[in-house]
């Protein structure tokens, strides 16, 4: 969220009157936490952001204001007089925003929440859950942004997304993962294009369409193949795709076979356009996870989505 502010301020050395300034709330929150903790390092740990990001946020504020907020010529943490005044301004502004949100209640404009998701959850899981969520709450708009699993997790870590739904875990001390869905990954090809049952070593004989690095789907089937002594560099890879839909379309065009979530090929399997190639000794199951920042209270729309997704596991 960006704020436009007309700001008047007096200091012995600096006068800022009637200047048009633009503040990013992330920058304001970083500055407040740095002042409270008197440390960029501690602020980065509390906010779950990199220290470089925190420093950049404060630096951008100083650049926009045209003043130094923190005295950097001493080993101890000292705010400049301008920094003290700006801190008071920030504290008041954040309090006013909280009061405003409370007073507006249900009359406010729709809340927009951002959910980062890998390709399978974004196409086949979240769309099925949203109608149930929207039946329970109003004044909300969901922004679903599609990434590979690694990038989606990074979006939550950097607070660019309120939560994520992904197909793998990348451990981080500031992130929590909750299992919300079970999936199966199958090797598919055009009907009768290849034998319906093969050994793991026979995969090397089939033209293969694979997903990109960072994909949760690829991570799952690569691990499963490695356990059988089969490695991607030894296979006949003809195409690398950034989405499951792209991989499916390549298979439908006759480019080869691909390991794809069964959620993505249900219709094609039922219609008989595609077939599953059973690989002896290879059964690939994986989980999808709801990712959020540890200790952060979820916005109501995010919490509602989480509850609906969790019901799938309990069912």
Protein backbone atom coordinates (compact mmCIF):
# COMPACT_ATOMS: atom_id res chain seq x y z
CA UNK A 1 0.00 0.00 0.00
CA UNK A 2 1.35 3.42 -0.95
CA UNK A 3 0.36 6.66 0.76
CA UNK A 4 0.43 10.17 -0.66
CA UNK A 5 1.24 12.66 2.09
CA UNK A 6 1.61 16.44 2.16
CA UNK A 7 4.10 16.78 4.99
CA UNK A 8 5.15 19.82 7.02
CA UNK A 9 8.20 19.47 9.28
CA UNK A 10 10.74 21.77 10.96
CA UNK A 11 14.23 20.93 12.14
CA UNK A 12 17.23 23.15 12.99
CA UNK A 13 18.95 22.06 9.83
CA UNK A 14 16.10 20.92 7.57
CA UNK A 15 12.79 22.45 6.62
CA UNK A 16 10.24 20.36 4.72
CA UNK A 17 7.08 22.30 3.98
CA UNK A 18 4.35 21.48 1.48
CA UNK A 19 6.34 18.69 -0.11
CA UNK A 20 4.49 15.92 -1.91
CA UNK A 21 5.86 12.66 -0.53
CA UNK A 22 5.08 9.03 -1.27
CA UNK A 23 5.41 6.45 1.51
CA UNK A 24 5.15 2.69 1.18
CA UNK A 25 3.60 1.12 4.28
CA UNK A 26 6.25 -1.62 4.16
CA UNK A 27 8.91 1.06 4.47
CA UNK A 28 7.06 2.66 7.38
CA UNK A 29 6.70 -0.68 9.19
CA UNK A 30 10.40 -1.44 8.69
CA UNK A 31 11.40 1.97 10.06
CA UNK A 32 9.13 1.62 13.12
CA UNK A 33 10.52 -1.84 13.92
CA UNK A 34 14.13 -0.68 13.51
CA UNK A 35 13.46 2.15 15.98
CA UNK A 36 11.66 -0.11 18.45
CA UNK A 37 14.38 -2.76 18.43
CA UNK A 38 17.28 -0.32 17.84
CA UNK A 39 18.67 -2.87 15.41
CA UNK A 40 18.34 -3.62 11.70
CA UNK A 41 19.19 -7.26 12.43
CA UNK A 42 16.50 -7.73 15.10
CA UNK A 43 13.95 -5.87 12.96
CA UNK A 44 14.66 -8.21 10.04
CA UNK A 45 14.09 -11.25 12.26
CA UNK A 46 10.80 -9.94 13.66
CA UNK A 47 9.41 -8.90 10.28
CA UNK A 48 10.72 -11.99 8.50
CA UNK A 49 12.56 -9.90 5.91
CA UNK A 50 16.19 -9.85 4.88
CA UNK A 51 18.40 -7.25 6.56
CA UNK A 52 19.19 -5.85 3.11
CA UNK A 53 15.46 -5.32 2.50
CA UNK A 54 15.04 -3.51 5.84
CA UNK A 55 18.03 -1.26 5.07
CA UNK A 56 16.62 -0.55 1.61
CA UNK A 57 13.22 0.41 3.06
CA UNK A 58 14.77 2.89 5.50
CA UNK A 59 17.12 4.21 2.83
CA UNK A 60 14.18 4.84 0.48
CA UNK A 61 12.36 6.78 3.20
CA UNK A 62 15.42 8.95 3.76
CA UNK A 63 15.78 9.48 0.03
CA UNK A 64 12.13 10.50 -0.36
CA UNK A 65 12.29 12.83 2.65
CA UNK A 66 15.69 14.22 1.73
CA UNK A 67 16.89 13.86 5.34
CA UNK A 68 18.80 11.43 7.55
CA UNK A 69 16.55 9.61 10.01
CA UNK A 70 19.25 7.58 11.76
CA UNK A 71 22.69 8.76 12.83
CA UNK A 72 25.14 6.36 11.19
CA UNK A 73 28.40 7.90 12.40
CA UNK A 74 28.23 6.19 15.79
CA UNK A 75 28.26 2.58 16.94
CA UNK A 76 25.18 3.16 19.14
CA UNK A 77 21.70 3.53 17.66
CA UNK A 78 20.63 7.19 17.61
CA UNK A 79 17.75 8.83 15.80
CA UNK A 80 18.33 12.30 14.39
CA UNK A 81 15.90 15.01 15.52
CA UNK A 82 14.23 14.65 12.17
CA UNK A 83 14.08 10.89 12.75
CA UNK A 84 12.43 11.37 16.16
CA UNK A 85 9.76 13.62 14.67
CA UNK A 86 9.17 11.27 11.75
CA UNK A 87 8.89 8.30 14.11
CA UNK A 88 6.14 10.08 16.06
CA UNK A 89 4.41 10.83 12.78
CA UNK A 90 4.63 7.16 11.72
CA UNK A 91 3.28 5.88 15.04
CA UNK A 92 0.32 8.26 14.84
CA UNK A 93 -0.34 7.40 11.19
CA UNK A 94 -0.37 3.63 11.84
CA UNK A 95 -2.71 4.14 14.79
CA UNK A 96 -5.01 6.30 12.68
CA UNK A 97 -5.08 3.65 9.94
CA UNK A 98 -6.09 0.96 12.45
CA UNK A 99 -8.84 3.21 13.83
CA UNK A 100 -10.03 4.02 10.31
CA UNK A 101 -10.29 0.32 9.38
CA UNK A 102 -12.26 -0.36 12.57
CA UNK A 103 -14.66 2.57 12.05
CA UNK A 104 -15.35 1.77 8.39
CA UNK A 105 -16.40 -1.80 9.22
CA UNK A 106 -18.52 -3.39 6.51
CA UNK A 107 -18.93 -0.07 4.67
CA UNK A 108 -15.34 -0.08 3.50
CA UNK A 109 -14.24 -0.97 0.01
CA UNK A 110 -13.54 -4.67 -0.67
CA UNK A 111 -10.40 -5.97 1.02
CA UNK A 112 -7.87 -7.23 -1.49
CA UNK A 113 -5.75 -10.17 -0.36
CA UNK A 114 -2.95 -11.73 -2.36
CA UNK A 115 -2.44 -15.49 -2.50
CA UNK A 116 0.68 -16.81 -4.21
CA UNK A 117 0.20 -20.28 -5.64
CA UNK A 118 2.05 -22.81 -7.72
CA UNK A 119 0.43 -23.88 -10.98
CA UNK A 120 -1.67 -26.86 -9.81
CA UNK A 121 -3.23 -25.15 -6.74
CA UNK A 122 -3.89 -21.97 -8.74
CA UNK A 123 -5.73 -23.84 -11.51
CA UNK A 124 -7.42 -26.79 -9.76
CA UNK A 125 -7.56 -26.32 -5.98
CA UNK A 126 -8.14 -22.65 -5.11
CA UNK A 127 -10.86 -22.08 -7.76
CA UNK A 128 -12.85 -24.98 -6.29
CA UNK A 129 -12.51 -23.58 -2.76
CA UNK A 130 -13.31 -19.92 -3.48
CA UNK A 131 -17.09 -20.28 -4.06
CA UNK A 132 -17.45 -21.75 -0.57
CA UNK A 133 -15.29 -18.99 0.90
CA UNK A 134 -17.19 -16.20 -0.86
CA UNK A 135 -20.43 -17.62 0.47
CA UNK A 136 -19.21 -16.93 4.02
CA UNK A 137 -17.73 -13.41 3.71
CA UNK A 138 -18.31 -10.21 1.76
CA UNK A 139 -16.25 -7.18 0.78
CA UNK A 140 -13.24 -9.19 -0.35
CA UNK A 141 -11.30 -9.66 -3.55
CA UNK A 142 -8.72 -12.41 -3.97
CA UNK A 143 -5.67 -11.84 -6.12
CA UNK A 144 -4.22 -15.21 -7.12
CA UNK A 145 -0.67 -14.86 -8.45
CA UNK A 146 0.99 -17.84 -10.10
CA UNK A 147 4.63 -18.81 -9.50
CA UNK A 148 6.59 -21.99 -9.14
CA UNK A 149 6.63 -23.30 -5.55
CA UNK A 150 9.97 -21.73 -4.65
CA UNK A 151 8.95 -18.28 -5.91
CA UNK A 152 5.52 -18.49 -4.23
CA UNK A 153 7.16 -19.24 -0.88
CA UNK A 154 9.54 -16.32 -1.40
CA UNK A 155 6.53 -14.02 -1.95
CA UNK A 156 5.21 -14.89 1.53
CA UNK A 157 8.64 -14.55 3.12
CA UNK A 158 9.07 -11.07 1.61
CA UNK A 159 5.47 -10.13 2.57
CA UNK A 160 4.48 -9.63 -1.04
CA UNK A 161 1.69 -12.19 -0.55
CA UNK A 162 -0.59 -12.83 2.44
CA UNK A 163 -0.22 -16.62 2.07
CA UNK A 164 0.71 -19.27 -0.47
CA UNK A 165 -0.43 -22.71 -1.58
CA UNK A 166 2.45 -24.83 -2.87
CA UNK A 167 3.55 -28.38 -3.52
CA UNK A 168 6.75 -28.51 -1.50
CA UNK A 169 8.35 -27.34 1.73
CA UNK A 170 11.37 -25.06 1.78
CA UNK A 171 12.16 -24.63 5.46
CA UNK A 172 12.54 -21.14 6.90
CA UNK A 173 12.34 -20.10 10.57
CA UNK A 174 9.68 -17.47 9.86
CA UNK A 175 7.34 -19.69 7.81
CA UNK A 176 4.68 -22.21 8.81
CA UNK A 177 3.40 -25.02 6.55
CA UNK A 178 0.05 -26.76 6.94
CA UNK A 179 -0.95 -29.73 4.81
CA UNK A 180 -4.20 -29.00 2.94
CA UNK A 181 -4.36 -31.42 -0.02
CA UNK A 182 -3.02 -34.76 -1.29
CA UNK A 183 -2.13 -35.28 -4.93
CA UNK A 184 -0.79 -37.97 -7.23
CA UNK A 185 1.63 -37.35 -10.09
CA UNK A 186 1.29 -39.70 -13.07
CA UNK A 187 3.22 -40.26 -16.29
CA UNK A 188 0.86 -39.63 -19.19
CA UNK A 189 1.01 -39.83 -22.98
CA UNK A 190 -1.35 -39.91 -25.94
CA UNK A 191 -3.53 -43.02 -26.01
CA UNK A 192 -1.51 -46.02 -27.30
CA UNK A 193 1.54 -43.85 -28.05
CA UNK A 194 3.62 -45.90 -25.59
CA UNK A 195 3.22 -49.12 -23.59
CA UNK A 196 0.87 -48.81 -20.62
CA UNK A 197 3.35 -50.55 -18.28
CA UNK A 198 7.12 -50.02 -18.23
CA UNK A 199 10.10 -50.31 -15.90
CA UNK A 200 11.83 -47.24 -14.48
CA UNK A 201 14.77 -47.79 -16.84
CA UNK A 202 12.40 -47.78 -19.83
CA UNK A 203 11.61 -44.09 -19.20
CA UNK A 204 14.90 -43.27 -20.95
CA UNK A 205 13.39 -44.58 -24.21
CA UNK A 206 10.47 -42.11 -24.16
CA UNK A 207 10.64 -38.44 -25.26
CA UNK A 208 9.96 -36.53 -22.05
CA UNK A 209 8.39 -33.14 -21.40
CA UNK A 210 9.53 -31.86 -18.00
CA UNK A 211 8.81 -28.93 -15.67
CA UNK A 212 11.27 -26.17 -14.83
CA UNK A 213 13.60 -26.12 -11.82
CA UNK A 214 11.80 -24.77 -8.76
CA UNK A 215 8.58 -26.58 -9.67
CA UNK A 216 7.07 -28.67 -6.85
CA UNK A 217 5.88 -31.22 -9.42
CA UNK A 218 9.37 -31.67 -10.80
CA UNK A 219 10.86 -31.86 -7.31
CA UNK A 220 8.46 -34.72 -6.45
CA UNK A 221 8.99 -36.88 -9.53
CA UNK A 222 12.72 -36.19 -9.66
CA UNK A 223 13.09 -37.48 -6.09
CA UNK A 224 11.02 -40.57 -6.90
CA UNK A 225 13.06 -41.35 -10.03
CA UNK A 226 16.35 -40.80 -8.22
CA UNK A 227 15.35 -43.44 -5.66
CA UNK A 228 15.07 -45.88 -8.58
CA UNK A 229 18.48 -44.89 -9.94
CA UNK A 230 17.00 -42.83 -12.80
CA UNK A 231 18.25 -39.25 -13.28
CA UNK A 232 16.94 -36.46 -15.52
CA UNK A 233 20.28 -35.81 -17.29
CA UNK A 234 20.14 -39.41 -18.59
CA UNK A 235 16.62 -39.07 -20.02
CA UNK A 236 15.44 -37.98 -23.47
CA UNK A 237 14.16 -34.52 -22.51
CA UNK A 238 12.60 -32.77 -25.51
CA UNK A 239 10.95 -29.80 -23.78
CA UNK A 240 10.98 -27.91 -20.47
CA UNK A 241 7.79 -26.10 -19.46
CA UNK A 242 6.97 -23.47 -16.85
CA UNK A 243 3.38 -24.68 -16.21
CA UNK A 244 1.50 -27.97 -16.05
CA UNK A 245 -0.93 -26.72 -18.69
CA UNK A 246 1.96 -26.17 -21.09
CA UNK A 247 3.29 -29.65 -20.38
CA UNK A 248 -0.17 -31.16 -20.94
CA UNK A 249 -0.61 -29.32 -24.25
CA UNK A 250 2.80 -30.58 -25.38
CA UNK A 251 1.73 -34.15 -24.61
CA UNK A 252 -1.59 -33.65 -26.43
CA UNK A 253 0.32 -32.42 -29.48
CA UNK A 254 2.38 -35.64 -29.50
CA UNK A 255 5.66 -34.19 -28.24
CA UNK A 256 6.14 -37.01 -25.74
CA UNK A 257 5.12 -38.08 -22.24
CA UNK A 258 5.15 -36.04 -19.04
CA UNK A 259 4.80 -36.43 -15.29
CA UNK A 260 1.74 -34.34 -14.42
CA UNK A 261 -0.63 -33.97 -11.48
CA UNK A 262 -3.67 -36.18 -11.95
CA UNK A 263 -5.76 -33.09 -11.16
CA UNK A 264 -4.56 -31.54 -14.42
CA UNK A 265 -5.41 -34.49 -16.66
CA UNK A 266 -8.64 -35.90 -15.17
CA UNK A 267 -10.80 -34.89 -18.13
CA UNK A 268 -8.36 -36.13 -20.75
CA UNK A 269 -8.01 -39.48 -18.99
CA UNK A 270 -11.79 -39.91 -18.72
CA UNK A 271 -12.28 -39.03 -22.39
CA UNK A 272 -9.56 -41.49 -23.44
CA UNK A 273 -7.36 -38.91 -25.18
CA UNK A 274 -4.53 -39.59 -22.74
CA UNK A 275 -3.42 -42.71 -20.91
CA UNK A 276 -1.37 -43.34 -17.81
CA UNK A 277 1.94 -45.16 -18.19
CA UNK A 278 2.42 -47.25 -15.07
CA UNK A 279 6.07 -47.30 -14.01
CA UNK A 280 6.93 -50.39 -12.00
CA UNK A 281 8.00 -49.48 -8.47
CA UNK A 282 7.21 -45.77 -8.90
CA UNK A 283 4.21 -44.28 -7.10
CA UNK A 284 4.43 -40.51 -6.75
CA UNK A 285 2.25 -38.89 -4.13
CA UNK A 286 2.82 -35.40 -2.84
CA UNK A 287 1.13 -32.92 -0.55
CA UNK A 288 0.10 -29.32 -1.03
CA UNK A 289 0.70 -26.88 1.80
CA UNK A 290 -0.74 -23.60 3.00
CA UNK A 291 2.18 -21.28 3.76
CA UNK A 292 2.02 -18.26 6.08
CA UNK A 293 4.31 -16.21 8.29
CA UNK A 294 4.73 -17.63 11.78
CA UNK A 295 3.11 -15.56 14.49
CA UNK A 296 1.24 -13.30 12.08
CA UNK A 297 -2.53 -13.17 12.52
CA UNK A 298 -4.19 -13.97 9.21
CA UNK A 299 -6.63 -11.51 7.67
CA UNK A 300 -10.19 -12.85 7.90
CA UNK A 301 -10.42 -13.63 4.13
CA UNK A 302 -7.12 -15.52 4.28
CA UNK A 303 -8.23 -17.41 7.40
CA UNK A 304 -11.51 -18.38 5.72
CA UNK A 305 -9.69 -19.72 2.65
CA UNK A 306 -7.37 -21.68 4.93
CA UNK A 307 -10.33 -23.23 6.79
CA UNK A 308 -12.05 -24.32 3.58
CA UNK A 309 -8.84 -25.84 2.22
CA UNK A 310 -8.22 -27.64 5.53
CA UNK A 311 -11.66 -29.27 5.30
CA UNK A 312 -10.37 -31.29 2.35
CA UNK A 313 -7.86 -33.04 4.63
CA UNK A 314 -10.43 -33.64 7.36
CA UNK A 315 -13.00 -35.02 4.89
